[in-house]
């Protein structure tokens, strides 16, 4: 931060997007059935794990 390595305009935009995404994601996740959310997370986790095993 002191050395000036942070691009503050882009960082501010990312902070706003993260806050909006976090709150809206939590809101919409509560609207879904817990089983759907659980399955979605499992599918994403398997996909990422598979990607890293294949990429290695």
Protein backbone atom coordinates (compact mmCIF):
# COMPACT_ATOMS: atom_id res chain seq x y z
CA UNK A 1 0.00 0.00 0.00
CA UNK A 2 2.80 2.41 0.86
CA UNK A 3 4.83 1.49 -2.24
CA UNK A 4 1.88 2.29 -4.53
CA UNK A 5 1.31 -1.20 -5.90
CA UNK A 6 -2.45 -1.03 -5.43
CA UNK A 7 -4.60 0.24 -8.29
CA UNK A 8 -7.18 1.98 -6.12
CA UNK A 9 -9.84 2.56 -8.79
CA UNK A 10 -9.92 -1.14 -9.69
CA UNK A 11 -9.68 -2.16 -6.03
CA UNK A 12 -12.66 0.04 -5.11
CA UNK A 13 -14.70 -1.44 -7.95
CA UNK A 14 -13.82 -4.96 -6.78
CA UNK A 15 -14.82 -4.11 -3.19
CA UNK A 16 -18.22 -2.81 -4.30
CA UNK A 17 -18.79 -5.86 -6.53
CA UNK A 18 -17.77 -8.21 -3.73
CA UNK A 19 -20.15 -6.58 -1.26
CA UNK A 20 -23.07 -6.63 -3.71
CA UNK A 21 -22.32 -10.22 -4.73
CA UNK A 22 -22.01 -11.39 -1.14
CA UNK A 23 -25.29 -9.88 0.01
CA UNK A 24 -27.27 -10.85 -3.08
CA UNK A 25 -25.76 -14.35 -3.07
CA UNK A 26 -26.78 -14.87 0.54
CA UNK A 27 -30.29 -13.55 -0.16
CA UNK A 28 -30.89 -15.78 -3.17
CA UNK A 29 -29.30 -18.80 -1.53
CA UNK A 30 -31.84 -18.55 1.30
CA UNK A 31 -34.63 -18.60 -1.28
CA UNK A 32 -33.50 -21.95 -2.72
CA UNK A 33 -34.00 -25.39 -1.28
CA UNK A 34 -31.00 -26.41 0.86
CA UNK A 35 -30.69 -29.66 -1.08
CA UNK A 36 -30.15 -27.77 -4.37
CA UNK A 37 -27.50 -25.55 -2.81
CA UNK A 38 -25.73 -28.57 -1.33
CA UNK A 39 -25.72 -30.40 -4.67
CA UNK A 40 -24.47 -27.32 -6.52
CA UNK A 41 -21.57 -26.91 -4.09
CA UNK A 42 -20.67 -30.60 -4.40
CA UNK A 43 -20.68 -30.40 -8.21
CA UNK A 44 -18.48 -27.30 -8.19
CA UNK A 45 -16.06 -28.88 -5.69
CA UNK A 46 -15.75 -32.06 -7.78
CA UNK A 47 -15.23 -30.00 -10.92
CA UNK A 48 -12.44 -27.91 -9.40
CA UNK A 49 -10.79 -30.99 -7.89
CA UNK A 50 -10.94 -32.82 -11.21
CA UNK A 51 -9.53 -29.82 -13.04
CA UNK A 52 -6.50 -29.66 -10.77
CA UNK A 53 -5.86 -33.41 -10.97
CA UNK A 54 -6.05 -33.35 -14.78
CA UNK A 55 -4.00 -30.17 -15.09
CA UNK A 56 -1.20 -31.54 -12.96
